[in-house]
């Protein structure tokens, strides 16, 4: 391995050349538009619009977010409790099973 991945680099260069040649060949893409074909000066820069909100609207948004957060935390706690219960149940079953196996071995 003298090249240190030279085969991969050569493959990458070959793929890039093939992709470029496909773009230049019109039989692959009949109605193609490249970056050179598009006039970007016609497009206006669009700035985001941030409307004004009243204190009442802001409070409503805060209340909704807090309620969603409470629901999400409640779901996480419920999932945690159910998973702990299931885990303890399986541990109990394993312990009971192992006691039976040990009892069988002692009697054997």
C-alpha atoms as a PDB file:
ATOM      1  CA  UNK A   1       0.000   0.000   0.000  1.00  0.00           C
ATOM      2  CA  UNK A   2       2.462   2.560  -1.124  1.00  0.00           C
ATOM      3  CA  UNK A   3       0.002   5.106  -2.506  1.00  0.00           C
ATOM      4  CA  UNK A   4      -2.084   5.615   0.603  1.00  0.00           C
ATOM      5  CA  UNK A   5      -5.431   5.408  -1.155  1.00  0.00           C
ATOM      6  CA  UNK A   6      -4.306   6.582  -4.580  1.00  0.00           C
ATOM      7  CA  UNK A   7      -6.667   4.110  -6.232  1.00  0.00           C
ATOM      8  CA  UNK A   8      -9.620   5.743  -4.540  1.00  0.00           C
ATOM      9  CA  UNK A   9      -8.475   9.197  -5.576  1.00  0.00           C
ATOM     10  CA  UNK A  10      -7.990   8.061  -9.172  1.00  0.00           C
ATOM     11  CA  UNK A  11     -11.486   6.579  -9.149  1.00  0.00           C
ATOM     12  CA  UNK A  12     -12.897   9.852  -7.796  1.00  0.00           C
ATOM     13  CA  UNK A  13     -11.169  11.874 -10.520  1.00  0.00           C
ATOM     14  CA  UNK A  14     -12.426   9.481 -13.207  1.00  0.00           C
ATOM     15  CA  UNK A  15     -16.007   9.750 -11.915  1.00  0.00           C
ATOM     16  CA  UNK A  16     -15.819  13.546 -11.884  1.00  0.00           C
ATOM     17  CA  UNK A  17     -14.564  13.549 -15.488  1.00  0.00           C
ATOM     18  CA  UNK A  18     -17.357  11.220 -16.556  1.00  0.00           C
ATOM     19  CA  UNK A  19     -19.979  13.372 -14.838  1.00  0.00           C
ATOM     20  CA  UNK A  20     -18.644  16.508 -16.519  1.00  0.00           C
ATOM     21  CA  UNK A  21     -18.659  14.821 -19.909  1.00  0.00           C
ATOM     22  CA  UNK A  22     -22.292  13.767 -19.398  1.00  0.00           C
ATOM     23  CA  UNK A  23     -23.252  17.360 -18.628  1.00  0.00           C
ATOM     24  CA  UNK A  24     -21.573  18.604 -21.795  1.00  0.00           C
ATOM     25  CA  UNK A  25     -23.240  15.934 -23.911  1.00  0.00           C
ATOM     26  CA  UNK A  26     -26.753  17.093 -24.828  1.00  0.00           C
ATOM     27  CA  UNK A  27     -28.111  13.633 -25.495  1.00  0.00           C
ATOM     28  CA  UNK A  28     -28.155  12.889 -21.739  1.00  0.00           C
ATOM     29  CA  UNK A  29     -29.986  16.066 -20.733  1.00  0.00           C
ATOM     30  CA  UNK A  30     -32.138  17.607 -23.472  1.00  0.00           C
ATOM     31  CA  UNK A  31     -33.602  20.605 -21.634  1.00  0.00           C
ATOM     32  CA  UNK A  32     -30.762  21.302 -19.289  1.00  0.00           C
ATOM     33  CA  UNK A  33     -30.074  24.534 -17.483  1.00  0.00           C
ATOM     34  CA  UNK A  34     -26.734  25.166 -15.924  1.00  0.00           C
ATOM     35  CA  UNK A  35     -25.635  27.955 -13.640  1.00  0.00           C
ATOM     36  CA  UNK A  36     -24.361  29.833 -16.701  1.00  0.00           C
ATOM     37  CA  UNK A  37     -27.835  29.752 -18.286  1.00  0.00           C
ATOM     38  CA  UNK A  38     -29.638  31.314 -15.309  1.00  0.00           C
ATOM     39  CA  UNK A  39     -29.569  35.065 -14.790  1.00  0.00           C
ATOM     40  CA  UNK A  40     -29.467  35.484 -11.023  1.00  0.00           C
ATOM     41  CA  UNK A  41     -29.549  39.291 -11.209  1.00  0.00           C
ATOM     42  CA  UNK A  42     -33.300  39.160 -11.953  1.00  0.00           C
ATOM     43  CA  UNK A  43     -34.047  37.575  -8.604  1.00  0.00           C
ATOM     44  CA  UNK A  44     -34.579  39.966  -5.749  1.00  0.00           C
ATOM     45  CA  UNK A  45     -33.102  39.228  -2.388  1.00  0.00           C
ATOM     46  CA  UNK A  46     -35.948  38.120  -0.199  1.00  0.00           C
ATOM     47  CA  UNK A  47     -35.738  39.147   3.407  1.00  0.00           C
ATOM     48  CA  UNK A  48     -37.760  37.372   6.074  1.00  0.00           C
ATOM     49  CA  UNK A  49     -40.720  39.286   7.440  1.00  0.00           C
ATOM     50  CA  UNK A  50     -41.046  39.395  11.187  1.00  0.00           C
ATOM     51  CA  UNK A  51     -44.463  40.731  12.058  1.00  0.00           C
ATOM     52  CA  UNK A  52     -45.283  42.519  15.257  1.00  0.00           C
ATOM     53  CA  UNK A  53     -47.016  40.484  17.934  1.00  0.00           C
ATOM     54  CA  UNK A  54     -48.971  41.827  20.836  1.00  0.00           C
ATOM     55  CA  UNK A  55     -48.220  40.848  24.419  1.00  0.00           C
ATOM     56  CA  UNK A  56     -51.370  38.745  24.446  1.00  0.00           C
ATOM     57  CA  UNK A  57     -50.238  36.779  21.383  1.00  0.00           C
ATOM     58  CA  UNK A  58     -46.762  36.289  22.827  1.00  0.00           C
ATOM     59  CA  UNK A  59     -48.237  35.023  26.091  1.00  0.00           C
ATOM     60  CA  UNK A  60     -50.449  32.597  24.161  1.00  0.00           C
ATOM     61  CA  UNK A  61     -47.418  31.271  22.262  1.00  0.00           C
ATOM     62  CA  UNK A  62     -45.495  30.865  25.532  1.00  0.00           C
ATOM     63  CA  UNK A  63     -48.396  28.999  27.124  1.00  0.00           C
ATOM     64  CA  UNK A  64     -48.656  26.645  24.139  1.00  0.00           C
ATOM     65  CA  UNK A  65     -44.922  25.950  24.221  1.00  0.00           C
ATOM     66  CA  UNK A  66     -45.001  25.299  27.967  1.00  0.00           C
ATOM     67  CA  UNK A  67     -47.957  22.934  27.567  1.00  0.00           C
ATOM     68  CA  UNK A  68     -46.171  21.042  24.778  1.00  0.00           C
ATOM     69  CA  UNK A  69     -43.074  20.799  26.970  1.00  0.00           C
ATOM     70  CA  UNK A  70     -45.106  19.437  29.887  1.00  0.00           C
ATOM     71  CA  UNK A  71     -46.691  16.827  27.644  1.00  0.00           C
ATOM     72  CA  UNK A  72     -43.305  15.786  26.262  1.00  0.00           C
ATOM     73  CA  UNK A  73     -41.822  15.432  29.749  1.00  0.00           C
ATOM     74  CA  UNK A  74     -44.883  13.454  30.875  1.00  0.00           C
ATOM     75  CA  UNK A  75     -44.471  11.039  27.956  1.00  0.00           C
ATOM     76  CA  UNK A  76     -40.785  10.567  28.725  1.00  0.00           C
ATOM     77  CA  UNK A  77     -41.495   9.875  32.399  1.00  0.00           C
ATOM     78  CA  UNK A  78     -44.234   7.388  31.502  1.00  0.00           C
ATOM     79  CA  UNK A  79     -41.940   5.575  29.063  1.00  0.00           C
ATOM     80  CA  UNK A  80     -39.212   5.463  31.712  1.00  0.00           C
ATOM     81  CA  UNK A  81     -41.555   4.021  34.344  1.00  0.00           C
ATOM     82  CA  UNK A  82     -42.928   1.384  31.964  1.00  0.00           C
ATOM     83  CA  UNK A  83     -39.445   0.359  30.832  1.00  0.00           C
ATOM     84  CA  UNK A  84     -38.209   0.099  34.450  1.00  0.00           C
ATOM     85  CA  UNK A  85     -41.245  -2.016  35.357  1.00  0.00           C
ATOM     86  CA  UNK A  86     -40.706  -4.356  32.409  1.00  0.00           C
ATOM     87  CA  UNK A  87     -36.990  -4.639  33.185  1.00  0.00           C
ATOM     88  CA  UNK A  88     -37.653  -5.497  36.838  1.00  0.00           C
ATOM     89  CA  UNK A  89     -40.233  -8.097  35.771  1.00  0.00           C
ATOM     90  CA  UNK A  90     -37.717  -9.811  33.483  1.00  0.00           C
ATOM     91  CA  UNK A  91     -34.993  -9.692  36.143  1.00  0.00           C
ATOM     92  CA  UNK A  92     -37.408 -11.323  38.593  1.00  0.00           C
ATOM     93  CA  UNK A  93     -38.214 -14.045  36.044  1.00  0.00           C
ATOM     94  CA  UNK A  94     -34.530 -14.701  35.428  1.00  0.00           C
ATOM     95  CA  UNK A  95     -33.798 -14.931  39.153  1.00  0.00           C
ATOM     96  CA  UNK A  96     -36.687 -17.360  39.690  1.00  0.00           C
ATOM     97  CA  UNK A  97     -35.580 -19.431  36.685  1.00  0.00           C
ATOM     98  CA  UNK A  98     -31.976 -19.542  37.925  1.00  0.00           C
ATOM     99  CA  UNK A  99     -33.129 -20.640  41.390  1.00  0.00           C
ATOM    100  CA  UNK A 100     -35.036 -23.508  39.787  1.00  0.00           C
ATOM    101  CA  UNK A 101     -31.992 -24.443  37.705  1.00  0.00           C
ATOM    102  CA  UNK A 102     -29.708 -24.371  40.761  1.00  0.00           C
ATOM    103  CA  UNK A 103     -32.188 -26.490  42.718  1.00  0.00           C
ATOM    104  CA  UNK A 104     -32.269 -28.990  39.840  1.00  0.00           C
ATOM    105  CA  UNK A 105     -28.456 -29.114  39.751  1.00  0.00           C
ATOM    106  CA  UNK A 106     -28.250 -29.688  43.538  1.00  0.00           C
ATOM    107  CA  UNK A 107     -30.737 -32.560  43.341  1.00  0.00           C
ATOM    108  CA  UNK A 108     -28.982 -34.132  40.400  1.00  0.00           C
END
